[in-house]
Amino acid sequence: MSAPTPYYADDAVTMYLGDFREVLPALDALAVDAVVTDPPYGETCLEWDTWPVGWPAVVAEYSRSMWCFGSFRMFLDRAQDFDAWKLSQDVVWEKHNGSSNKNDRFRRVHEHAVHWYQGDWASIHHVTPTTQDATARAMRRSGKPAHWQGEYGPSHYRSEEGGSRLMRSVIFARSMHGNAINETEKPLGVVLPLVEYSTPRGGVVLDVFAGSGSTGVAAKLSGRSAVLIEKREAQCEAAARRLSQGVFDMGEVT
């Protein structure tokens, strides 16, 4: 099978137009450090919002680390599709606005990004996430005997003088409302930390639902490379225009 022709390519990003289930097998010996992707949740009647059944098992053939955006309902309803993966952690993206189609429930202003992995956790690339104001300093965390979270051994990480500056698991970033080129576009403020956490500098990240190309932009900004796949040509065209520009808006992050 001949390799498909990229829809867009530069020094860091290669984007393909098509269904990932057809594109991936044509990319001979593709191996990536991590997947960072935002699938359709399958929670509406919109044409583009259709869950591709079994997609997590497909990408499991190409990487042992994956960040997947979704709602709590989505992960519950599609739990069996993640059978090939182990749960590592979740991050909550807090938006400045939100929506709800129910007038008797809390207004939803958040989404989840869940980190999955395969195999031994120690072999999975991950960098302890610290806040931008942290001053690098070697810190040591003592091991703990078995308790309600389980036993863990000693570890080392970089932190600010005087105490830990681990990044919080709730990330506030303004949504792309009014500026989005994709219906569910995620801001760089939440995508970039996930790419930096799971992919080494010089490494490769894969996004099989590329949409607006945010994963590719995050890769370019952080010294990584990206392979993007998107099945809608209009989205590929918009993402290509975005990726070809030299300045990217990070948005508001706290």
Protein backbone atom coordinates (compact mmCIF):
# COMPACT_ATOMS: atom_id res chain seq x y z
CA MET A 1 0.00 0.00 0.00
CA SER A 2 1.50 3.34 -1.05
CA ALA A 3 1.71 6.13 1.49
CA PRO A 4 -0.99 8.78 1.11
CA THR A 5 -0.06 12.25 -0.07
CA PRO A 6 -0.10 14.77 2.80
CA TYR A 7 -2.74 17.47 2.60
CA TYR A 8 -0.33 19.79 4.40
CA ALA A 9 3.26 19.46 5.57
CA ASP A 10 5.93 21.65 7.11
CA ASP A 11 9.05 20.99 9.18
CA ALA A 12 6.99 19.90 12.21
CA VAL A 13 3.51 18.88 11.10
CA THR A 14 2.17 16.45 8.50
CA MET A 15 -1.60 16.40 7.99
CA TYR A 16 -3.60 13.85 6.00
CA LEU A 17 -7.14 14.09 4.68
CA GLY A 18 -9.16 10.94 5.23
CA ASP A 19 -10.51 8.42 7.72
CA PHE A 20 -7.81 7.45 10.22
CA ARG A 21 -8.76 3.78 9.84
CA GLU A 22 -7.63 3.97 6.22
CA VAL A 23 -4.76 6.44 6.60
CA LEU A 24 -2.92 4.85 9.53
CA PRO A 25 -2.29 1.42 7.90
CA ALA A 26 -0.85 3.24 4.87
CA LEU A 27 1.75 5.01 7.01
CA ASP A 28 4.34 2.24 7.14
CA ALA A 29 5.96 1.61 10.53
CA LEU A 30 4.37 4.69 12.07
CA ALA A 31 5.19 4.88 15.79
CA VAL A 32 4.42 7.92 17.88
CA ASP A 33 5.21 8.91 21.44
CA ALA A 34 1.65 9.85 22.33
CA VAL A 35 -1.83 10.44 20.99
CA VAL A 36 -3.58 13.69 21.90
CA THR A 37 -7.04 13.80 20.37
CA ASP A 38 -10.57 15.13 20.70
CA PRO A 39 -13.05 12.63 19.24
CA PRO A 40 -16.70 13.37 18.48
CA TYR A 41 -18.50 12.62 21.74
CA GLY A 42 -21.61 11.20 20.07
CA GLU A 43 -23.95 13.16 22.34
CA THR A 44 -25.94 15.15 19.77
CA CYS A 45 -27.84 14.52 16.54
CA LEU A 46 -25.41 16.63 14.51
CA GLU A 47 -23.99 14.87 11.47
CA TRP A 48 -20.34 15.31 12.45
CA ASP A 49 -20.94 14.17 16.05
CA THR A 50 -20.77 10.42 15.47
CA TRP A 51 -18.63 8.22 17.72
CA PRO A 52 -16.33 5.95 15.66
CA VAL A 53 -16.83 2.67 17.49
CA GLY A 54 -13.58 0.98 18.48
CA TRP A 55 -11.23 3.82 17.56
CA PRO A 56 -9.20 3.64 20.86
CA ALA A 57 -8.20 0.06 19.99
CA VAL A 58 -7.03 1.18 16.54
CA VAL A 59 -4.70 3.90 17.83
CA ALA A 60 -3.43 1.52 20.52
CA GLU A 61 -1.43 -0.12 17.74
CA TYR A 62 0.62 3.06 17.26
CA SER A 63 1.23 4.43 20.76
CA ARG A 64 1.13 3.36 24.41
CA SER A 65 0.15 6.80 25.72
CA MET A 66 -3.01 8.76 24.93
CA TRP A 67 -4.79 11.91 26.06
CA CYS A 68 -8.45 11.88 25.04
CA PHE A 69 -10.89 14.75 25.52
CA GLY A 70 -14.46 13.90 26.42
CA SER A 71 -17.38 14.30 28.78
CA PHE A 72 -18.00 12.13 31.82
CA ARG A 73 -21.05 10.70 30.06
CA MET A 74 -18.97 9.86 26.99
CA PHE A 75 -16.37 7.91 28.96
CA LEU A 76 -19.07 6.00 30.84
CA ASP A 77 -21.07 5.16 27.72
CA ARG A 78 -17.96 4.15 25.74
CA ALA A 79 -16.01 2.45 28.54
CA GLN A 80 -15.68 -0.86 26.68
CA ASP A 81 -13.92 0.90 23.80
CA PHE A 82 -11.05 1.69 26.17
CA ASP A 83 -10.52 -1.93 27.25
CA ALA A 84 -7.02 -1.96 25.74
CA TRP A 85 -5.96 0.97 27.94
CA LYS A 86 -5.20 1.64 31.59
CA LEU A 87 -6.35 4.85 33.28
CA SER A 88 -3.60 7.17 34.46
CA GLN A 89 -5.29 10.45 35.42
CA ASP A 90 -7.72 13.08 34.28
CA VAL A 91 -7.48 16.82 33.80
CA VAL A 92 -10.49 19.14 33.88
CA TRP A 93 -10.67 21.98 31.39
CA GLU A 94 -12.65 24.83 32.93
CA LYS A 95 -14.18 27.16 30.37
CA HIS A 96 -15.22 30.78 30.79
CA ASN A 97 -18.65 29.87 29.44
CA GLY A 98 -20.68 26.77 28.81
CA SER A 99 -23.99 25.41 27.74
CA SER A 100 -26.76 23.12 28.87
CA ASN A 101 -29.83 21.74 27.16
CA LYS A 102 -31.44 21.07 30.56
CA ASN A 103 -32.87 23.89 32.64
CA ASP A 104 -32.96 21.87 35.86
CA ARG A 105 -29.23 20.94 36.04
CA PHE A 106 -25.96 22.71 36.71
CA ARG A 107 -24.60 24.59 33.73
CA ARG A 108 -21.68 22.58 32.37
CA VAL A 109 -18.57 24.70 31.99
CA HIS A 110 -15.98 21.94 31.89
CA GLU A 111 -14.71 18.99 29.90
CA HIS A 112 -12.32 16.18 30.75
CA ALA A 113 -9.01 15.19 29.22
CA VAL A 114 -8.19 11.65 30.32
CA HIS A 115 -4.73 10.12 30.11
CA TRP A 116 -4.57 6.43 29.17
CA TYR A 117 -1.57 4.15 28.81
CA GLN A 118 -0.54 0.57 28.06
CA GLY A 119 2.07 -1.62 29.68
CA ASP A 120 4.32 -0.54 32.54
CA TRP A 121 3.82 3.05 33.73
CA ALA A 122 7.53 3.52 34.41
CA SER A 123 8.23 3.03 30.70
CA ILE A 124 5.70 5.65 29.60
CA HIS A 125 7.22 9.04 28.87
CA HIS A 126 5.87 11.71 31.19
CA VAL A 127 7.30 14.92 32.60
CA THR A 128 6.19 16.17 36.00
CA PRO A 129 4.05 19.22 35.16
CA THR A 130 5.02 22.40 37.00
CA THR A 131 3.54 25.86 36.71
CA GLN A 132 5.27 28.49 34.62
CA ASP A 133 6.29 30.53 37.67
CA ALA A 134 8.17 27.62 39.22
CA THR A 135 11.91 27.94 39.75
CA ALA A 136 13.62 24.68 38.87
CA ARG A 137 14.88 22.84 41.92
CA ALA A 138 15.47 19.16 42.56
CA MET A 139 12.84 17.81 44.97
CA ARG A 140 12.45 14.34 46.46
CA ARG A 141 9.19 12.72 47.42
CA SER A 142 9.47 9.93 49.96
CA GLY A 143 7.90 6.57 49.34
CA LYS A 144 4.70 5.61 51.16
CA PRO A 145 3.50 2.23 52.37
CA ALA A 146 0.24 0.82 51.13
CA HIS A 147 -2.73 3.03 51.98
CA TRP A 148 -5.99 3.97 50.27
CA GLN A 149 -4.17 5.21 47.18
CA GLY A 150 -1.83 2.25 47.09
CA GLU A 151 1.88 1.91 47.75
CA TYR A 152 4.39 4.01 45.82
CA GLY A 153 8.14 4.39 45.92
CA PRO A 154 10.37 7.45 46.22
CA SER A 155 10.64 9.81 43.27
CA HIS A 156 12.30 13.02 42.17
CA TYR A 157 10.95 16.06 40.36
CA ARG A 158 11.77 19.69 39.67
CA SER A 159 9.99 22.26 41.80
CA GLU A 160 10.11 25.82 43.05
CA GLU A 161 12.22 26.72 46.08
CA GLY A 162 10.12 26.41 49.21
CA GLY A 163 7.63 23.84 48.07
CA SER A 164 5.87 22.05 45.28
CA ARG A 165 4.54 23.92 42.27
CA LEU A 166 2.86 20.99 40.60
CA MET A 167 0.38 22.11 37.97
CA ARG A 168 -3.23 21.79 39.10
CA SER A 169 -5.48 19.20 37.49
CA VAL A 170 -8.04 21.91 36.75
CA ILE A 171 -6.90 24.19 33.93
CA PHE A 172 -8.80 27.38 33.16
CA ALA A 173 -8.59 28.47 29.54
CA ARG A 174 -11.08 30.60 27.67
CA SER A 175 -13.00 28.64 25.09
CA MET A 176 -12.61 29.52 21.44
CA HIS A 177 -16.15 30.90 21.18
CA GLY A 178 -16.25 33.45 18.37
CA ASN A 179 -12.81 32.52 17.02
CA ALA A 180 -13.05 28.77 16.48
CA ILE A 181 -12.53 27.12 13.12
CA ASN A 182 -13.90 23.83 14.47
CA GLU A 183 -17.16 23.17 16.32
CA THR A 184 -15.37 21.81 19.39
CA GLU A 185 -11.96 23.50 19.07
CA LYS A 186 -9.81 23.22 22.20
CA PRO A 187 -7.63 26.20 23.19
CA LEU A 188 -3.86 25.88 23.19
CA GLY A 189 -3.89 26.69 26.89
CA VAL A 190 -5.21 23.20 27.64
CA VAL A 191 -3.74 21.24 24.71
CA LEU A 192 -0.14 22.41 25.09
CA PRO A 193 0.39 21.04 28.65
CA LEU A 194 -0.87 17.62 27.52
CA VAL A 195 1.51 17.49 24.57
CA GLU A 196 4.45 18.62 26.71
CA TYR A 197 3.59 16.09 29.43
CA SER A 198 3.38 13.02 27.21
CA THR A 199 5.75 13.71 24.33
CA PRO A 200 9.51 14.36 24.63
CA ARG A 201 11.09 17.30 22.84
CA GLY A 202 11.79 16.13 19.31
CA GLY A 203 9.16 13.41 19.67
CA VAL A 204 6.00 12.80 17.65
CA VAL A 205 2.36 13.23 18.69
CA LEU A 206 -0.61 11.83 16.77
CA ASP A 207 -4.11 13.31 16.47
CA VAL A 208 -6.63 11.21 14.54
CA PHE A 209 -9.43 13.79 14.91
CA ALA A 210 -7.36 16.82 14.02
CA GLY A 211 -10.17 19.33 13.57
CA SER A 212 -8.68 22.82 13.88
CA GLY A 213 -5.11 21.50 14.17
CA SER A 214 -4.59 22.54 17.80
CA THR A 215 -2.45 19.46 18.50
CA GLY A 216 -0.23 20.37 15.57
CA VAL A 217 0.11 23.97 16.73
CA ALA A 218 1.01 22.78 20.24
CA ALA A 219 3.66 20.50 18.76
CA LYS A 220 5.18 23.36 16.73
CA LEU A 221 5.26 25.66 19.77
CA SER A 222 6.92 23.08 22.01
CA GLY A 223 9.58 21.59 19.74
CA ARG A 224 7.69 18.41 18.86
CA SER A 225 6.38 17.00 15.60
CA ALA A 226 2.81 15.98 14.83
CA VAL A 227 0.93 13.65 12.52
CA LEU A 228 -2.64 14.87 12.02
CA ILE A 229 -5.56 13.09 10.36
CA GLU A 230 -8.89 14.76 9.59
CA LYS A 231 -11.68 13.39 7.40
CA ARG A 232 -13.42 16.68 6.54
CA GLU A 233 -11.68 18.64 3.80
CA ALA A 234 -13.06 21.99 4.96
CA GLN A 235 -11.44 21.38 8.34
CA CYS A 236 -8.15 20.36 6.72
CA GLU A 237 -8.16 23.54 4.67
CA ALA A 238 -8.82 25.74 7.73
CA ALA A 239 -6.24 23.89 9.83
CA ALA A 240 -3.65 24.20 7.05
CA ARG A 241 -4.13 27.97 6.97
CA ARG A 242 -3.72 28.11 10.73
CA LEU A 243 -0.63 25.91 10.78
CA SER A 244 1.05 27.94 8.05
CA GLN A 245 0.94 31.17 10.05
CA GLY A 246 3.89 32.15 12.23
CA VAL A 247 2.15 33.51 15.35
CA PHE A 248 -0.32 31.56 17.45
CA ASP A 249 -2.75 32.91 20.05
CA MET A 250 -2.34 31.07 23.35
CA GLY A 251 -5.51 32.51 24.86
CA GLU A 252 -6.05 33.18 28.56
CA VAL A 253 -4.71 30.50 30.90
CA THR A 254 -4.58 30.35 34.70
